[in-house]
């Protein structure tokens, strides 16, 4: 089965202790993208904190922020607040 998407947490996964993306992680993300895998950032962080990392690694996929409470579209710059999605 081919991997089509990967969702990456930021704190302690994508980012090191200095809140930087390591060369190793950056290269792994670029390899995935080159293989056609969609890469998403999924984090408890707010959009304003997530967006610079998202842009830095060249992603255009939506950002999943605030532990899934908000999905921010990087292309349209619109947000979708998921207030009651779990009850639907």
PDB file of N, CA and C in Angstrom:
ATOM      1  N   UNK A   1       0.836  -1.173   0.000  1.00  0.00           N
ATOM      2  CA  UNK A   1       0.000   0.000   0.000  1.00  0.00           C
ATOM      3  C   UNK A   1       0.886   1.243   0.000  1.00  0.00           C
ATOM      4  N   UNK A   2       0.595   2.164  -0.878  1.00  0.00           N
ATOM      5  CA  UNK A   2       1.377   3.388  -0.993  1.00  0.00           C
ATOM      6  C   UNK A   2       0.898   4.439   0.013  1.00  0.00           C
ATOM      7  N   UNK A   3       1.830   5.081   0.669  1.00  0.00           N
ATOM      8  CA  UNK A   3       1.503   6.171   1.591  1.00  0.00           C
ATOM      9  C   UNK A   3       1.114   7.382   0.757  1.00  0.00           C
ATOM     10  N   UNK A   4      -0.057   7.963   1.038  1.00  0.00           N
ATOM     11  CA  UNK A   4      -0.516   9.131   0.284  1.00  0.00           C
ATOM     12  C   UNK A   4      -0.427  10.420   1.084  1.00  0.00           C
ATOM     13  N   UNK A   5      -0.423  10.306   2.410  1.00  0.00           N
ATOM     14  CA  UNK A   5      -0.365  11.502   3.252  1.00  0.00           C
ATOM     15  C   UNK A   5       0.311  11.158   4.568  1.00  0.00           C
ATOM     16  N   UNK A   6       0.946  12.173   5.147  1.00  0.00           N
ATOM     17  CA  UNK A   6       1.563  12.025   6.463  1.00  0.00           C
ATOM     18  C   UNK A   6       1.269  13.299   7.249  1.00  0.00           C
ATOM     19  N   UNK A   7       0.910  13.116   8.512  1.00  0.00           N
ATOM     20  CA  UNK A   7       0.595  14.228   9.396  1.00  0.00           C
ATOM     21  C   UNK A   7       1.677  14.277  10.466  1.00  0.00           C
ATOM     22  N   UNK A   8       2.325  15.424  10.590  1.00  0.00           N
ATOM     23  CA  UNK A   8       3.481  15.544  11.476  1.00  0.00           C
ATOM     24  C   UNK A   8       3.184  16.526  12.602  1.00  0.00           C
ATOM     25  N   UNK A   9       3.365  16.066  13.837  1.00  0.00           N
ATOM     26  CA  UNK A   9       3.285  16.938  15.001  1.00  0.00           C
ATOM     27  C   UNK A   9       4.539  17.811  15.011  1.00  0.00           C
ATOM     28  N   UNK A  10       4.467  18.951  15.643  1.00  0.00           N
ATOM     29  CA  UNK A  10       5.616  19.852  15.643  1.00  0.00           C
ATOM     30  C   UNK A  10       6.507  19.665  16.869  1.00  0.00           C
ATOM     31  N   UNK A  11       5.948  19.807  18.058  1.00  0.00           N
ATOM     32  CA  UNK A  11       6.747  19.787  19.283  1.00  0.00           C
ATOM     33  C   UNK A  11       7.271  18.393  19.584  1.00  0.00           C
ATOM     34  N   UNK A  12       8.585  18.261  19.600  1.00  0.00           N
ATOM     35  CA  UNK A  12       9.212  16.992  19.909  1.00  0.00           C
ATOM     36  C   UNK A  12       9.241  16.001  18.757  1.00  0.00           C
ATOM     37  N   UNK A  13       8.672  16.364  17.631  1.00  0.00           N
ATOM     38  CA  UNK A  13       8.673  15.494  16.454  1.00  0.00           C
ATOM     39  C   UNK A  13       9.359  16.207  15.300  1.00  0.00           C
ATOM     40  N   UNK A  14       8.734  17.232  14.765  1.00  0.00           N
ATOM     41  CA  UNK A  14       9.337  18.005  13.675  1.00  0.00           C
ATOM     42  C   UNK A  14      10.444  18.912  14.208  1.00  0.00           C
ATOM     43  N   UNK A  15      10.171  19.539  15.349  1.00  0.00           N
ATOM     44  CA  UNK A  15      11.103  20.532  15.896  1.00  0.00           C
ATOM     45  C   UNK A  15      12.005  19.920  16.960  1.00  0.00           C
ATOM     46  N   UNK A  16      13.244  20.397  16.989  1.00  0.00           N
ATOM     47  CA  UNK A  16      14.167  19.951  18.034  1.00  0.00           C
ATOM     48  C   UNK A  16      13.983  20.814  19.286  1.00  0.00           C
ATOM     49  N   UNK A  17      14.823  20.636  20.274  1.00  0.00           N
ATOM     50  CA  UNK A  17      14.712  21.367  21.543  1.00  0.00           C
ATOM     51  C   UNK A  17      14.879  22.870  21.374  1.00  0.00           C
ATOM     52  N   UNK A  18      15.489  23.294  20.262  1.00  0.00           N
ATOM     53  CA  UNK A  18      15.678  24.722  19.979  1.00  0.00           C
ATOM     54  C   UNK A  18      14.580  25.277  19.077  1.00  0.00           C
ATOM     55  N   UNK A  19      13.500  24.516  18.905  1.00  0.00           N
ATOM     56  CA  UNK A  19      12.389  24.912  18.030  1.00  0.00           C
ATOM     57  C   UNK A  19      12.825  25.132  16.587  1.00  0.00           C
ATOM     58  N   UNK A  20      13.770  24.330  16.145  1.00  0.00           N
ATOM     59  CA  UNK A  20      14.261  24.379  14.760  1.00  0.00           C
ATOM     60  C   UNK A  20      13.944  23.054  14.076  1.00  0.00           C
ATOM     61  N   UNK A  21      13.797  23.112  12.746  1.00  0.00           N
ATOM     62  CA  UNK A  21      13.622  21.900  11.960  1.00  0.00           C
ATOM     63  C   UNK A  21      15.015  21.399  11.605  1.00  0.00           C
ATOM     64  N   UNK A  22      15.333  20.193  12.025  1.00  0.00           N
ATOM     65  CA  UNK A  22      16.660  19.648  11.746  1.00  0.00           C
ATOM     66  C   UNK A  22      16.829  19.382  10.255  1.00  0.00           C
ATOM     67  N   UNK A  23      18.075  19.329   9.837  1.00  0.00           N
ATOM     68  CA  UNK A  23      18.383  19.022   8.435  1.00  0.00           C
ATOM     69  C   UNK A  23      17.810  17.655   8.066  1.00  0.00           C
ATOM     70  N   UNK A  24      17.927  16.717   8.976  1.00  0.00           N
ATOM     71  CA  UNK A  24      17.418  15.356   8.734  1.00  0.00           C
ATOM     72  C   UNK A  24      15.903  15.357   8.502  1.00  0.00           C
ATOM     73  N   UNK A  25      15.164  16.077   9.349  1.00  0.00           N
ATOM     74  CA  UNK A  25      13.712  16.149   9.183  1.00  0.00           C
ATOM     75  C   UNK A  25      13.328  16.869   7.898  1.00  0.00           C
ATOM     76  N   UNK A  26      14.029  17.945   7.611  1.00  0.00           N
ATOM     77  CA  UNK A  26      13.761  18.711   6.389  1.00  0.00           C
ATOM     78  C   UNK A  26      13.969  17.830   5.156  1.00  0.00           C
ATOM     79  N   UNK A  27      15.070  17.099   5.124  1.00  0.00           N
ATOM     80  CA  UNK A  27      15.357  16.219   3.981  1.00  0.00           C
ATOM     81  C   UNK A  27      14.317  15.111   3.860  1.00  0.00           C
ATOM     82  N   UNK A  28      13.887  14.564   4.992  1.00  0.00           N
ATOM     83  CA  UNK A  28      12.861  13.512   4.969  1.00  0.00           C
ATOM     84  C   UNK A  28      11.555  14.048   4.393  1.00  0.00           C
ATOM     85  N   UNK A  29      11.187  15.258   4.781  1.00  0.00           N
ATOM     86  CA  UNK A  29       9.967  15.875   4.247  1.00  0.00           C
ATOM     87  C   UNK A  29      10.094  16.095   2.748  1.00  0.00           C
ATOM     88  N   UNK A  30      11.228  16.597   2.295  1.00  0.00           N
ATOM     89  CA  UNK A  30      11.424  16.822   0.857  1.00  0.00           C
ATOM     90  C   UNK A  30      11.364  15.511   0.080  1.00  0.00           C
ATOM     91  N   UNK A  31      11.920  14.438   0.646  1.00  0.00           N
ATOM     92  CA  UNK A  31      11.839  13.129  -0.022  1.00  0.00           C
ATOM     93  C   UNK A  31      10.390  12.671  -0.151  1.00  0.00           C
ATOM     94  N   UNK A  32       9.627  12.846   0.908  1.00  0.00           N
ATOM     95  CA  UNK A  32       8.212  12.464   0.866  1.00  0.00           C
ATOM     96  C   UNK A  32       7.460  13.252  -0.200  1.00  0.00           C
ATOM     97  N   UNK A  33       7.674  14.560  -0.225  1.00  0.00           N
ATOM     98  CA  UNK A  33       6.999  15.403  -1.213  1.00  0.00           C
ATOM     99  C   UNK A  33       7.379  14.969  -2.619  1.00  0.00           C
ATOM    100  N   UNK A  34       8.647  14.700  -2.849  1.00  0.00           N
ATOM    101  CA  UNK A  34       9.107  14.266  -4.177  1.00  0.00           C
ATOM    102  C   UNK A  34       8.525  12.917  -4.583  1.00  0.00           C
ATOM    103  N   UNK A  35       8.096  12.123  -3.602  1.00  0.00           N
ATOM    104  CA  UNK A  35       7.454  10.835  -3.877  1.00  0.00           C
ATOM    105  C   UNK A  35       5.941  10.977  -4.045  1.00  0.00           C
ATOM    106  N   UNK A  36       5.449  12.221  -3.961  1.00  0.00           N
ATOM    107  CA  UNK A  36       4.021  12.464  -4.139  1.00  0.00           C
ATOM    108  C   UNK A  36       3.188  12.357  -2.875  1.00  0.00           C
ATOM    109  N   UNK A  37       3.847  12.271  -1.724  1.00  0.00           N
ATOM    110  CA  UNK A  37       3.132  12.187  -0.449  1.00  0.00           C
ATOM    111  C   UNK A  37       2.750  13.597  -0.008  1.00  0.00           C
ATOM    112  N   UNK A  38       1.489  13.775   0.408  1.00  0.00           N
ATOM    113  CA  UNK A  38       1.055  15.071   0.941  1.00  0.00           C
ATOM    114  C   UNK A  38       1.474  15.145   2.404  1.00  0.00           C
ATOM    115  N   UNK A  39       2.133  16.233   2.765  1.00  0.00           N
ATOM    116  CA  UNK A  39       2.651  16.406   4.122  1.00  0.00           C
ATOM    117  C   UNK A  39       1.859  17.510   4.813  1.00  0.00           C
ATOM    118  N   UNK A  40       1.323  17.192   5.982  1.00  0.00           N
ATOM    119  CA  UNK A  40       0.525  18.135   6.761  1.00  0.00           C
ATOM    120  C   UNK A  40       1.185  18.362   8.113  1.00  0.00           C
ATOM    121  N   UNK A  41       1.074  19.584   8.629  1.00  0.00           N
ATOM    122  CA  UNK A  41       1.472  19.857  10.006  1.00  0.00           C
ATOM    123  C   UNK A  41       0.216  19.793  10.860  1.00  0.00           C
ATOM    124  N   UNK A  42       0.270  19.044  11.943  1.00  0.00           N
ATOM    125  CA  UNK A  42      -0.840  18.917  12.889  1.00  0.00           C
ATOM    126  C   UNK A  42      -0.281  19.208  14.273  1.00  0.00           C
ATOM    127  N   UNK A  43      -0.822  20.233  14.930  1.00  0.00           N
ATOM    128  CA  UNK A  43      -0.197  20.717  16.150  1.00  0.00           C
ATOM    129  C   UNK A  43      -1.212  21.323  17.109  1.00  0.00           C
ATOM    130  N   UNK A  44      -0.805  21.458  18.323  1.00  0.00           N
ATOM    131  CA  UNK A  44      -1.598  22.178  19.309  1.00  0.00           C
ATOM    132  C   UNK A  44      -1.347  23.676  19.244  1.00  0.00           C
ATOM    133  N   UNK A  45      -0.386  24.058  18.454  1.00  0.00           N
ATOM    134  CA  UNK A  45      -0.020  25.468  18.342  1.00  0.00           C
ATOM    135  C   UNK A  45      -1.040  26.270  17.528  1.00  0.00           C
ATOM    136  N   UNK A  46      -1.020  27.577  17.740  1.00  0.00           N
ATOM    137  CA  UNK A  46      -1.867  28.512  17.000  1.00  0.00           C
ATOM    138  C   UNK A  46      -1.319  28.694  15.588  1.00  0.00           C
ATOM    139  N   UNK A  47      -2.175  29.088  14.674  1.00  0.00           N
ATOM    140  CA  UNK A  47      -1.790  29.312  13.280  1.00  0.00           C
ATOM    141  C   UNK A  47      -0.602  30.268  13.158  1.00  0.00           C
ATOM    142  N   UNK A  48      -0.624  31.371  13.898  1.00  0.00           N
ATOM    143  CA  UNK A  48       0.443  32.375  13.780  1.00  0.00           C
ATOM    144  C   UNK A  48       1.820  31.805  14.119  1.00  0.00           C
ATOM    145  N   UNK A  49       1.862  30.787  14.953  1.00  0.00           N
ATOM    146  CA  UNK A  49       3.123  30.150  15.320  1.00  0.00           C
ATOM    147  C   UNK A  49       3.475  29.044  14.321  1.00  0.00           C
ATOM    148  N   UNK A  50       2.468  28.385  13.777  1.00  0.00           N
ATOM    149  CA  UNK A  50       2.667  27.268  12.852  1.00  0.00           C
ATOM    150  C   UNK A  50       3.056  27.737  11.456  1.00  0.00           C
ATOM    151  N   UNK A  51       2.440  28.799  10.982  1.00  0.00           N
ATOM    152  CA  UNK A  51       2.604  29.254   9.595  1.00  0.00           C
ATOM    153  C   UNK A  51       4.054  29.495   9.171  1.00  0.00           C
ATOM    154  N   UNK A  52       4.908  30.107   9.987  1.00  0.00           N
ATOM    155  CA  UNK A  52       6.289  30.313   9.536  1.00  0.00           C
ATOM    156  C   UNK A  52       7.041  29.003   9.246  1.00  0.00           C
ATOM    157  N   UNK A  53       6.805  27.971  10.043  1.00  0.00           N
ATOM    158  CA  UNK A  53       7.439  26.669   9.796  1.00  0.00           C
ATOM    159  C   UNK A  53       6.882  26.042   8.517  1.00  0.00           C
ATOM    160  N   UNK A  54       5.582  26.136   8.357  1.00  0.00           N
ATOM    161  CA  UNK A  54       4.889  25.603   7.180  1.00  0.00           C
ATOM    162  C   UNK A  54       5.458  26.242   5.911  1.00  0.00           C
ATOM    163  N   UNK A  55       5.601  27.550   5.950  1.00  0.00           N
ATOM    164  CA  UNK A  55       6.142  28.287   4.800  1.00  0.00           C
ATOM    165  C   UNK A  55       7.619  27.959   4.587  1.00  0.00           C
ATOM    166  N   UNK A  56       8.369  27.855   5.671  1.00  0.00           N
ATOM    167  CA  UNK A  56       9.809  27.595   5.595  1.00  0.00           C
ATOM    168  C   UNK A  56      10.124  26.300   4.857  1.00  0.00           C
ATOM    169  N   UNK A  57       9.298  25.277   5.061  1.00  0.00           N
ATOM    170  CA  UNK A  57       9.565  24.014   4.375  1.00  0.00           C
ATOM    171  C   UNK A  57       8.787  23.888   3.067  1.00  0.00           C
ATOM    172  N   UNK A  58       8.071  24.955   2.694  1.00  0.00           N
ATOM    173  CA  UNK A  58       7.437  25.001   1.379  1.00  0.00           C
ATOM    174  C   UNK A  58       6.164  24.192   1.232  1.00  0.00           C
ATOM    175  N   UNK A  59       5.443  24.010   2.327  1.00  0.00           N
ATOM    176  CA  UNK A  59       4.199  23.251   2.240  1.00  0.00           C
ATOM    177  C   UNK A  59       3.053  24.131   1.748  1.00  0.00           C
ATOM    178  N   UNK A  60       2.114  23.527   1.032  1.00  0.00           N
ATOM    179  CA  UNK A  60       0.910  24.249   0.611  1.00  0.00           C
ATOM    180  C   UNK A  60      -0.349  23.520   1.076  1.00  0.00           C
ATOM    181  N   UNK A  61      -0.185  22.490   1.881  1.00  0.00           N
ATOM    182  CA  UNK A  61      -1.307  21.739   2.435  1.00  0.00           C
ATOM    183  C   UNK A  61      -1.929  22.511   3.599  1.00  0.00           C
ATOM    184  N   UNK A  62      -3.180  22.212   3.943  1.00  0.00           N
ATOM    185  CA  UNK A  62      -3.787  22.864   5.104  1.00  0.00           C
ATOM    186  C   UNK A  62      -3.017  22.547   6.389  1.00  0.00           C
ATOM    187  N   UNK A  63      -3.074  23.480   7.335  1.00  0.00           N
ATOM    188  CA  UNK A  63      -2.451  23.303   8.646  1.00  0.00           C
ATOM    189  C   UNK A  63      -3.535  22.954   9.655  1.00  0.00           C
ATOM    190  N   UNK A  64      -3.298  21.927  10.437  1.00  0.00           N
ATOM    191  CA  UNK A  64      -4.234  21.528  11.480  1.00  0.00           C
ATOM    192  C   UNK A  64      -3.686  22.102  12.780  1.00  0.00           C
ATOM    193  N   UNK A  65      -4.399  23.089  13.324  1.00  0.00           N
ATOM    194  CA  UNK A  65      -3.909  23.836  14.483  1.00  0.00           C
ATOM    195  C   UNK A  65      -4.831  23.648  15.689  1.00  0.00           C
ATOM    196  N   UNK A  66      -4.328  24.043  16.839  1.00  0.00           N
ATOM    197  CA  UNK A  66      -5.070  23.998  18.094  1.00  0.00           C
ATOM    198  C   UNK A  66      -5.686  22.622  18.337  1.00  0.00           C
ATOM    199  N   UNK A  67      -4.853  21.584  18.146  1.00  0.00           N
ATOM    200  CA  UNK A  67      -5.266  20.189  18.360  1.00  0.00           C
ATOM    201  C   UNK A  67      -6.495  19.803  17.550  1.00  0.00           C
ATOM    202  N   UNK A  68      -6.574  20.326  16.334  1.00  0.00           N
ATOM    203  CA  UNK A  68      -7.669  19.980  15.435  1.00  0.00           C
ATOM    204  C   UNK A  68      -8.858  20.915  15.500  1.00  0.00           C
ATOM    205  N   UNK A  69      -8.826  21.909  16.371  1.00  0.00           N
ATOM    206  CA  UNK A  69      -9.952  22.833  16.491  1.00  0.00           C
ATOM    207  C   UNK A  69     -10.061  23.757  15.287  1.00  0.00           C
ATOM    208  N   UNK A  70      -8.937  24.013  14.615  1.00  0.00           N
ATOM    209  CA  UNK A  70      -8.936  24.905  13.454  1.00  0.00           C
ATOM    210  C   UNK A  70      -8.087  24.293  12.351  1.00  0.00           C
ATOM    211  N   UNK A  71      -8.628  24.317  11.146  1.00  0.00           N
ATOM    212  CA  UNK A  71      -7.866  23.921   9.965  1.00  0.00           C
ATOM    213  C   UNK A  71      -7.693  25.175   9.128  1.00  0.00           C
ATOM    214  N   UNK A  72      -6.453  25.513   8.850  1.00  0.00           N
ATOM    215  CA  UNK A  72      -6.151  26.736   8.108  1.00  0.00           C
ATOM    216  C   UNK A  72      -5.623  26.366   6.727  1.00  0.00           C
ATOM    217  N   UNK A  73      -6.301  26.854   5.697  1.00  0.00           N
ATOM    218  CA  UNK A  73      -5.896  26.595   4.314  1.00  0.00           C
ATOM    219  C   UNK A  73      -4.772  27.552   3.937  1.00  0.00           C
ATOM    220  N   UNK A  74      -3.628  27.022   3.603  1.00  0.00           N
ATOM    221  CA  UNK A  74      -2.455  27.846   3.291  1.00  0.00           C
ATOM    222  C   UNK A  74      -2.618  28.602   1.981  1.00  0.00           C
ATOM    223  N   UNK A  75      -3.433  28.094   1.066  1.00  0.00           N
ATOM    224  CA  UNK A  75      -3.594  28.738  -0.237  1.00  0.00           C
ATOM    225  C   UNK A  75      -4.632  29.852  -0.170  1.00  0.00           C
ATOM    226  N   UNK A  76      -5.820  29.560   0.372  1.00  0.00           N
ATOM    227  CA  UNK A  76      -6.883  30.568   0.434  1.00  0.00           C
ATOM    228  C   UNK A  76      -6.757  31.462   1.658  1.00  0.00           C
ATOM    229  N   UNK A  77      -5.961  31.017   2.624  1.00  0.00           N
ATOM    230  CA  UNK A  77      -5.774  31.721   3.901  1.00  0.00           C
ATOM    231  C   UNK A  77      -7.061  31.806   4.715  1.00  0.00           C
ATOM    232  N   UNK A  78      -7.951  30.852   4.503  1.00  0.00           N
ATOM    233  CA  UNK A  78      -9.193  30.803   5.268  1.00  0.00           C
ATOM    234  C   UNK A  78      -9.076  29.724   6.336  1.00  0.00           C
ATOM    235  N   UNK A  79      -9.784  29.958   7.440  1.00  0.00           N
ATOM    236  CA  UNK A  79      -9.789  28.995   8.539  1.00  0.00           C
ATOM    237  C   UNK A  79     -11.164  28.382   8.687  1.00  0.00           C
ATOM    238  N   UNK A  80     -11.181  27.137   9.132  1.00  0.00           N
ATOM    239  CA  UNK A  80     -12.411  26.412   9.402  1.00  0.00           C
ATOM    240  C   UNK A  80     -12.356  25.977  10.855  1.00  0.00           C
ATOM    241  N   UNK A  81     -13.167  26.619  11.697  1.00  0.00           N
ATOM    242  CA  UNK A  81     -13.211  26.244  13.108  1.00  0.00           C
ATOM    243  C   UNK A  81     -14.093  25.019  13.262  1.00  0.00           C
ATOM    244  N   UNK A  82     -13.578  23.994  13.890  1.00  0.00           N
ATOM    245  CA  UNK A  82     -14.275  22.715  14.041  1.00  0.00           C
ATOM    246  C   UNK A  82     -14.907  22.602  15.416  1.00  0.00           C
ATOM    247  N   UNK A  83     -15.800  23.508  15.743  1.00  0.00           N
ATOM    248  CA  UNK A  83     -16.358  23.562  17.088  1.00  0.00           C
ATOM    249  C   UNK A  83     -17.159  22.326  17.468  1.00  0.00           C
ATOM    250  N   UNK A  84     -18.012  21.852  16.570  1.00  0.00           N
ATOM    251  CA  UNK A  84     -18.913  20.755  16.925  1.00  0.00           C
ATOM    252  C   UNK A  84     -18.775  19.548  16.021  1.00  0.00           C
ATOM    253  N   UNK A  85     -17.670  19.400  15.366  1.00  0.00           N
ATOM    254  CA  UNK A  85     -17.514  18.312  14.415  1.00  0.00           C
ATOM    255  C   UNK A  85     -17.604  16.940  15.049  1.00  0.00           C
ATOM    256  N   UNK A  86     -17.129  16.781  16.255  1.00  0.00           N
ATOM    257  CA  UNK A  86     -17.134  15.455  16.872  1.00  0.00           C
ATOM    258  C   UNK A  86     -18.544  14.980  17.204  1.00  0.00           C
ATOM    259  N   UNK A  87     -19.500  15.886  17.323  1.00  0.00           N
ATOM    260  CA  UNK A  87     -20.865  15.488  17.654  1.00  0.00           C
ATOM    261  C   UNK A  87     -21.719  15.253  16.421  1.00  0.00           C
ATOM    262  N   UNK A  88     -21.182  15.459  15.244  1.00  0.00           N
ATOM    263  CA  UNK A  88     -21.968  15.288  14.014  1.00  0.00           C
ATOM    264  C   UNK A  88     -21.956  13.869  13.538  1.00  0.00           C
TER     265      UNK A  88
END
